[in-house]
Amino acid sequence: MARILVIDDDEQVRKYLKRLLHKLGHEVALAEDGSVGCVQAKDPAIQIIITDLKMAGTLSGMDLVRALRQARPHCPIVVTSGWPTEERITECEKLGIKDFLTKPFELSFLTGVLKRLLGSGDAVATDKAP
């Protein structure tokens, strides 16, 4: 299973995702804002990052996504948002992010995204180019 970093300023969302991801057998690290998330994202044990696009704090939105991509260029990033716009989705796609979870999302959708990102379930994301 994978070690997944969840970055969201909403404590309820963090707890919900942690519970879901634990049910799926994953280890979970939590960050309450973008600044903390960027520090934690540097941990090479993190295999997938799930981050909210709109958060309070000094590092949020596309600035956070860019910082995460710079810190971990080959680590899969899944973006969540309650109000995704085509403009934001396009910006994320330009940074190589292909996965978006629109809040609220179903467990089956999250499971599908994780299975695809992890391949056989034994795949490990690294910062080495494919």
N, C-alpha and C. Protein backbone atom coordinates (compact mmCIF):
# COMPACT_ATOMS: atom_id res chain seq x y z
N MET A 1 0.83 -1.19 0.00
CA MET A 1 0.00 0.00 0.00
C MET A 1 0.87 1.25 0.00
N ALA A 2 0.24 2.38 -0.13
CA ALA A 2 0.98 3.63 -0.32
C ALA A 2 0.95 4.52 0.93
N ARG A 3 1.90 5.43 0.97
CA ARG A 3 1.89 6.50 1.97
C ARG A 3 1.41 7.74 1.24
N ILE A 4 0.30 8.31 1.72
CA ILE A 4 -0.39 9.40 1.03
C ILE A 4 -0.42 10.63 1.93
N LEU A 5 -0.08 11.78 1.37
CA LEU A 5 -0.16 13.05 2.08
C LEU A 5 -1.45 13.75 1.69
N VAL A 6 -2.25 14.13 2.68
CA VAL A 6 -3.49 14.87 2.46
C VAL A 6 -3.28 16.29 2.99
N ILE A 7 -3.47 17.28 2.11
CA ILE A 7 -3.34 18.69 2.50
C ILE A 7 -4.71 19.34 2.33
N ASP A 8 -5.28 19.79 3.44
CA ASP A 8 -6.59 20.45 3.40
C ASP A 8 -6.75 21.26 4.68
N ASP A 9 -7.26 22.48 4.56
CA ASP A 9 -7.44 23.31 5.75
C ASP A 9 -8.69 22.96 6.54
N ASP A 10 -9.54 22.12 5.99
CA ASP A 10 -10.77 21.70 6.67
C ASP A 10 -10.49 20.41 7.45
N GLU A 11 -10.53 20.51 8.77
CA GLU A 11 -10.21 19.35 9.61
C GLU A 11 -11.13 18.17 9.33
N GLN A 12 -12.41 18.45 9.08
CA GLN A 12 -13.36 17.36 8.81
C GLN A 12 -12.99 16.62 7.53
N VAL A 13 -12.56 17.35 6.51
CA VAL A 13 -12.15 16.72 5.25
C VAL A 13 -10.90 15.88 5.47
N ARG A 14 -9.94 16.41 6.23
CA ARG A 14 -8.73 15.64 6.52
C ARG A 14 -9.07 14.33 7.23
N LYS A 15 -9.93 14.42 8.25
CA LYS A 15 -10.31 13.22 9.00
C LYS A 15 -11.07 12.23 8.11
N TYR A 16 -11.95 12.75 7.25
CA TYR A 16 -12.73 11.90 6.34
C TYR A 16 -11.79 11.15 5.39
N LEU A 17 -10.87 11.89 4.77
CA LEU A 17 -9.93 11.26 3.84
C LEU A 17 -9.02 10.27 4.56
N LYS A 18 -8.59 10.63 5.75
CA LYS A 18 -7.74 9.71 6.51
C LYS A 18 -8.48 8.40 6.78
N ARG A 19 -9.73 8.51 7.18
CA ARG A 19 -10.54 7.31 7.45
C ARG A 19 -10.71 6.47 6.19
N LEU A 20 -11.05 7.11 5.07
CA LEU A 20 -11.23 6.39 3.81
C LEU A 20 -9.93 5.71 3.36
N LEU A 21 -8.84 6.45 3.43
CA LEU A 21 -7.56 5.91 2.97
C LEU A 21 -7.08 4.78 3.87
N HIS A 22 -7.32 4.90 5.17
CA HIS A 22 -6.97 3.80 6.08
C HIS A 22 -7.78 2.55 5.76
N LYS A 23 -9.07 2.74 5.44
CA LYS A 23 -9.92 1.60 5.07
C LYS A 23 -9.36 0.88 3.85
N LEU A 24 -8.73 1.64 2.98
CA LEU A 24 -8.14 1.06 1.77
C LEU A 24 -6.75 0.50 2.03
N GLY A 25 -6.26 0.64 3.27
CA GLY A 25 -4.98 0.05 3.64
C GLY A 25 -3.77 0.96 3.49
N HIS A 26 -4.00 2.24 3.26
CA HIS A 26 -2.89 3.17 3.05
C HIS A 26 -2.47 3.85 4.35
N GLU A 27 -1.21 4.26 4.40
CA GLU A 27 -0.72 5.11 5.48
C GLU A 27 -1.02 6.55 5.08
N VAL A 28 -1.34 7.39 6.06
CA VAL A 28 -1.75 8.76 5.74
C VAL A 28 -0.98 9.76 6.60
N ALA A 29 -0.47 10.80 5.95
CA ALA A 29 0.10 11.96 6.63
C ALA A 29 -0.84 13.12 6.36
N LEU A 30 -1.04 13.98 7.35
CA LEU A 30 -1.97 15.09 7.22
C LEU A 30 -1.26 16.43 7.37
N ALA A 31 -1.71 17.42 6.59
CA ALA A 31 -1.20 18.79 6.71
C ALA A 31 -2.39 19.73 6.66
N GLU A 32 -2.40 20.70 7.57
CA GLU A 32 -3.55 21.60 7.69
C GLU A 32 -3.46 22.84 6.80
N ASP A 33 -2.32 23.04 6.15
CA ASP A 33 -2.22 24.16 5.20
C ASP A 33 -1.10 23.88 4.20
N GLY A 34 -1.02 24.76 3.21
CA GLY A 34 -0.06 24.55 2.14
C GLY A 34 1.39 24.62 2.58
N SER A 35 1.70 25.50 3.52
CA SER A 35 3.08 25.62 3.98
C SER A 35 3.55 24.34 4.66
N VAL A 36 2.72 23.81 5.55
CA VAL A 36 3.05 22.55 6.23
C VAL A 36 3.10 21.42 5.21
N GLY A 37 2.15 21.42 4.28
CA GLY A 37 2.10 20.38 3.26
C GLY A 37 3.35 20.35 2.39
N CYS A 38 3.87 21.52 2.03
CA CYS A 38 5.08 21.57 1.20
C CYS A 38 6.28 20.97 1.93
N VAL A 39 6.37 21.22 3.22
CA VAL A 39 7.46 20.64 4.00
C VAL A 39 7.32 19.12 4.03
N GLN A 40 6.10 18.64 4.33
CA GLN A 40 5.88 17.20 4.42
C GLN A 40 6.03 16.51 3.06
N ALA A 41 5.70 17.20 1.99
CA ALA A 41 5.78 16.62 0.65
C ALA A 41 7.21 16.26 0.26
N LYS A 42 8.18 16.86 0.90
CA LYS A 42 9.59 16.57 0.59
C LYS A 42 10.03 15.20 1.08
N ASP A 43 9.23 14.59 1.94
CA ASP A 43 9.53 13.25 2.46
C ASP A 43 9.45 12.25 1.31
N PRO A 44 10.55 11.58 0.97
CA PRO A 44 10.53 10.65 -0.16
C PRO A 44 9.61 9.44 0.05
N ALA A 45 9.16 9.21 1.28
CA ALA A 45 8.24 8.10 1.54
C ALA A 45 6.83 8.41 1.05
N ILE A 46 6.52 9.70 0.83
CA ILE A 46 5.21 10.09 0.32
C ILE A 46 5.12 9.66 -1.14
N GLN A 47 4.08 8.87 -1.45
CA GLN A 47 3.92 8.34 -2.81
C GLN A 47 2.85 9.05 -3.62
N ILE A 48 1.87 9.63 -2.94
CA ILE A 48 0.79 10.37 -3.60
C ILE A 48 0.45 11.57 -2.72
N ILE A 49 0.16 12.71 -3.34
CA ILE A 49 -0.27 13.90 -2.61
C ILE A 49 -1.70 14.22 -3.04
N ILE A 50 -2.58 14.40 -2.07
CA ILE A 50 -3.95 14.84 -2.33
C ILE A 50 -4.07 16.21 -1.67
N THR A 51 -4.38 17.24 -2.47
CA THR A 51 -4.46 18.59 -1.92
C THR A 51 -5.71 19.32 -2.38
N ASP A 52 -6.26 20.09 -1.47
CA ASP A 52 -7.37 20.97 -1.80
C ASP A 52 -6.81 22.14 -2.59
N LEU A 53 -7.59 22.64 -3.52
CA LEU A 53 -7.13 23.75 -4.34
C LEU A 53 -7.35 25.09 -3.65
N LYS A 54 -8.40 25.19 -2.83
CA LYS A 54 -8.72 26.47 -2.20
C LYS A 54 -8.62 26.32 -0.69
N MET A 55 -7.59 26.96 -0.12
CA MET A 55 -7.38 26.91 1.32
C MET A 55 -6.97 28.28 1.83
N ALA A 56 -7.22 28.48 3.11
CA ALA A 56 -6.73 29.69 3.77
C ALA A 56 -5.24 29.53 3.98
N GLY A 57 -4.56 30.63 4.17
CA GLY A 57 -3.13 30.56 4.45
C GLY A 57 -2.32 31.25 3.38
N THR A 58 -1.03 31.24 3.59
CA THR A 58 -0.14 31.97 2.70
C THR A 58 0.17 31.21 1.41
N LEU A 59 0.03 29.89 1.44
CA LEU A 59 0.35 29.09 0.26
C LEU A 59 -0.87 28.24 -0.08
N SER A 60 -1.56 28.63 -1.14
CA SER A 60 -2.80 27.95 -1.49
C SER A 60 -3.00 28.00 -3.00
N GLY A 61 -4.00 27.28 -3.46
CA GLY A 61 -4.37 27.33 -4.86
C GLY A 61 -3.26 26.88 -5.78
N MET A 62 -3.15 27.56 -6.89
CA MET A 62 -2.17 27.19 -7.90
C MET A 62 -0.73 27.40 -7.41
N ASP A 63 -0.52 28.35 -6.51
CA ASP A 63 0.83 28.54 -5.95
C ASP A 63 1.27 27.28 -5.21
N LEU A 64 0.36 26.69 -4.46
CA LEU A 64 0.66 25.45 -3.74
C LEU A 64 0.94 24.32 -4.73
N VAL A 65 0.09 24.19 -5.74
CA VAL A 65 0.28 23.12 -6.72
C VAL A 65 1.63 23.26 -7.42
N ARG A 66 1.99 24.48 -7.78
CA ARG A 66 3.30 24.70 -8.41
C ARG A 66 4.45 24.34 -7.46
N ALA A 67 4.32 24.74 -6.20
CA ALA A 67 5.37 24.43 -5.22
C ALA A 67 5.50 22.92 -5.01
N LEU A 68 4.36 22.23 -4.96
CA LEU A 68 4.39 20.77 -4.80
C LEU A 68 5.04 20.11 -6.02
N ARG A 69 4.69 20.59 -7.20
CA ARG A 69 5.25 20.02 -8.42
C ARG A 69 6.75 20.26 -8.47
N GLN A 70 7.20 21.43 -8.01
CA GLN A 70 8.64 21.72 -8.00
C GLN A 70 9.35 20.83 -6.97
N ALA A 71 8.75 20.67 -5.81
CA ALA A 71 9.37 19.86 -4.75
C ALA A 71 9.40 18.38 -5.11
N ARG A 72 8.36 17.90 -5.77
CA ARG A 72 8.23 16.47 -6.11
C ARG A 72 7.76 16.34 -7.55
N PRO A 73 8.66 16.56 -8.50
CA PRO A 73 8.27 16.62 -9.91
C PRO A 73 7.60 15.37 -10.47
N HIS A 74 7.86 14.20 -9.90
CA HIS A 74 7.28 12.98 -10.46
C HIS A 74 6.30 12.29 -9.53
N CYS A 75 5.99 12.94 -8.42
CA CYS A 75 5.02 12.37 -7.47
C CYS A 75 3.61 12.72 -7.93
N PRO A 76 2.72 11.73 -8.03
CA PRO A 76 1.35 12.03 -8.44
C PRO A 76 0.67 12.98 -7.45
N ILE A 77 -0.01 13.98 -8.00
CA ILE A 77 -0.78 14.94 -7.20
C ILE A 77 -2.23 14.85 -7.64
N VAL A 78 -3.11 14.69 -6.67
CA VAL A 78 -4.55 14.67 -6.91
C VAL A 78 -5.11 15.95 -6.30
N VAL A 79 -5.82 16.74 -7.09
CA VAL A 79 -6.38 18.01 -6.63
C VAL A 79 -7.85 17.81 -6.28
N THR A 80 -8.25 18.37 -5.12
CA THR A 80 -9.66 18.35 -4.74
C THR A 80 -10.18 19.78 -4.72
N SER A 81 -11.47 19.91 -5.00
CA SER A 81 -12.08 21.24 -4.97
C SER A 81 -13.59 21.10 -4.89
N GLY A 82 -14.19 21.99 -4.15
CA GLY A 82 -15.65 22.05 -4.11
C GLY A 82 -16.20 22.80 -5.31
N TRP A 83 -15.37 23.64 -5.92
CA TRP A 83 -15.81 24.45 -7.05
C TRP A 83 -14.72 24.51 -8.11
N PRO A 84 -14.47 23.40 -8.79
CA PRO A 84 -13.42 23.43 -9.83
C PRO A 84 -13.89 24.24 -11.04
N THR A 85 -12.99 25.03 -11.59
CA THR A 85 -13.30 25.77 -12.81
C THR A 85 -12.45 25.21 -13.94
N GLU A 86 -12.92 25.39 -15.15
CA GLU A 86 -12.16 24.93 -16.31
C GLU A 86 -10.77 25.56 -16.35
N GLU A 87 -10.70 26.83 -15.96
CA GLU A 87 -9.41 27.53 -15.96
C GLU A 87 -8.42 26.86 -15.00
N ARG A 88 -8.87 26.54 -13.80
CA ARG A 88 -8.00 25.90 -12.81
C ARG A 88 -7.61 24.48 -13.26
N ILE A 89 -8.57 23.76 -13.80
CA ILE A 89 -8.28 22.41 -14.29
C ILE A 89 -7.23 22.46 -15.39
N THR A 90 -7.38 23.40 -16.31
CA THR A 90 -6.41 23.56 -17.39
C THR A 90 -5.03 23.91 -16.85
N GLU A 91 -4.98 24.81 -15.86
CA GLU A 91 -3.69 25.16 -15.24
C GLU A 91 -3.03 23.94 -14.61
N CYS A 92 -3.83 23.15 -13.92
CA CYS A 92 -3.30 21.93 -13.28
C CYS A 92 -2.80 20.95 -14.33
N GLU A 93 -3.56 20.79 -15.40
CA GLU A 93 -3.15 19.86 -16.46
C GLU A 93 -1.82 20.27 -17.07
N LYS A 94 -1.58 21.58 -17.19
CA LYS A 94 -0.30 22.06 -17.72
C LYS A 94 0.86 21.68 -16.81
N LEU A 95 0.56 21.46 -15.53
CA LEU A 95 1.58 21.03 -14.57
C LEU A 95 1.66 19.51 -14.46
N GLY A 96 0.94 18.82 -15.33
CA GLY A 96 0.99 17.37 -15.34
C GLY A 96 0.04 16.69 -14.38
N ILE A 97 -0.92 17.44 -13.86
CA ILE A 97 -1.89 16.88 -12.92
C ILE A 97 -3.13 16.49 -13.71
N LYS A 98 -3.49 15.22 -13.60
CA LYS A 98 -4.60 14.70 -14.39
C LYS A 98 -5.79 14.28 -13.54
N ASP A 99 -5.63 14.30 -12.23
CA ASP A 99 -6.68 13.77 -11.36
C ASP A 99 -7.28 14.86 -10.49
N PHE A 100 -8.61 14.95 -10.56
CA PHE A 100 -9.37 15.94 -9.80
C PHE A 100 -10.50 15.23 -9.09
N LEU A 101 -10.67 15.54 -7.83
CA LEU A 101 -11.80 15.03 -7.06
C LEU A 101 -12.68 16.22 -6.73
N THR A 102 -13.91 16.20 -7.23
CA THR A 102 -14.86 17.26 -6.92
C THR A 102 -15.58 16.89 -5.64
N LYS A 103 -15.49 17.76 -4.65
CA LYS A 103 -16.14 17.51 -3.36
C LYS A 103 -17.64 17.71 -3.50
N PRO A 104 -18.44 16.89 -2.88
CA PRO A 104 -18.07 15.64 -2.22
C PRO A 104 -17.83 14.55 -3.27
N PHE A 105 -16.95 13.62 -2.98
CA PHE A 105 -16.65 12.56 -3.94
C PHE A 105 -16.93 11.20 -3.32
N GLU A 106 -17.17 10.24 -4.17
CA GLU A 106 -17.49 8.88 -3.75
C GLU A 106 -16.21 8.09 -3.48
N LEU A 107 -16.30 7.17 -2.55
CA LEU A 107 -15.17 6.29 -2.25
C LEU A 107 -14.74 5.52 -3.49
N SER A 108 -15.71 5.10 -4.31
CA SER A 108 -15.37 4.33 -5.51
C SER A 108 -14.53 5.15 -6.49
N PHE A 109 -14.80 6.45 -6.58
CA PHE A 109 -14.02 7.29 -7.48
C PHE A 109 -12.60 7.45 -6.94
N LEU A 110 -12.47 7.70 -5.64
CA LEU A 110 -11.15 7.81 -5.02
C LEU A 110 -10.37 6.51 -5.19
N THR A 111 -11.03 5.39 -4.97
CA THR A 111 -10.39 4.08 -5.12
C THR A 111 -9.88 3.89 -6.54
N GLY A 112 -10.68 4.26 -7.53
CA GLY A 112 -10.27 4.13 -8.93
C GLY A 112 -9.05 4.97 -9.26
N VAL A 113 -9.03 6.20 -8.77
CA VAL A 113 -7.88 7.08 -9.01
C VAL A 113 -6.62 6.48 -8.39
N LEU A 114 -6.73 6.02 -7.14
CA LEU A 114 -5.55 5.46 -6.46
C LEU A 114 -5.06 4.19 -7.14
N LYS A 115 -5.97 3.33 -7.55
CA LYS A 115 -5.56 2.10 -8.25
C LYS A 115 -4.81 2.43 -9.53
N ARG A 116 -5.32 3.40 -10.27
CA ARG A 116 -4.65 3.78 -11.51
C ARG A 116 -3.27 4.36 -11.23
N LEU A 117 -3.17 5.21 -10.21
CA LEU A 117 -1.88 5.83 -9.89
C LEU A 117 -0.86 4.83 -9.37
N LEU A 118 -1.34 3.83 -8.64
CA LEU A 118 -0.43 2.85 -8.05
C LEU A 118 -0.22 1.63 -8.93
N GLY A 119 -0.92 1.55 -10.03
CA GLY A 119 -0.77 0.40 -10.91
C GLY A 119 -1.23 -0.86 -10.23
N SER A 120 -0.35 -1.80 -10.07
CA SER A 120 -0.70 -3.11 -9.49
C SER A 120 -0.92 -3.04 -8.00
N GLY A 121 -0.69 -1.89 -7.41
CA GLY A 121 -0.79 -1.79 -5.96
C GLY A 121 0.57 -1.86 -5.30
N ASP A 122 1.56 -2.34 -6.06
CA ASP A 122 2.91 -2.41 -5.53
C ASP A 122 3.79 -1.29 -6.07
N ALA A 123 3.22 -0.50 -6.99
CA ALA A 123 4.00 0.56 -7.61
C ALA A 123 4.34 1.62 -6.57
N VAL A 124 5.48 2.22 -6.73
CA VAL A 124 5.93 3.26 -5.81
C VAL A 124 6.30 4.48 -6.63
N ALA A 125 5.72 5.63 -6.28
CA ALA A 125 6.07 6.86 -6.96
C ALA A 125 7.43 7.32 -6.46
N THR A 126 8.27 7.73 -7.37
CA THR A 126 9.58 8.26 -6.99
C THR A 126 9.78 9.56 -7.72
N ASP A 127 10.84 10.23 -7.42
CA ASP A 127 11.15 11.45 -8.12
C ASP A 127 12.14 11.22 -9.25
N LYS A 128 12.21 9.99 -9.71
CA LYS A 128 13.04 9.67 -10.88
C LYS A 128 12.15 9.72 -12.11
N ALA A 129 12.67 10.26 -13.17
CA ALA A 129 11.91 10.32 -14.41
C ALA A 129 11.59 8.91 -14.88
N PRO A 130 10.39 8.71 -15.47
CA PRO A 130 10.02 7.36 -15.94
C PRO A 130 10.91 6.89 -17.07
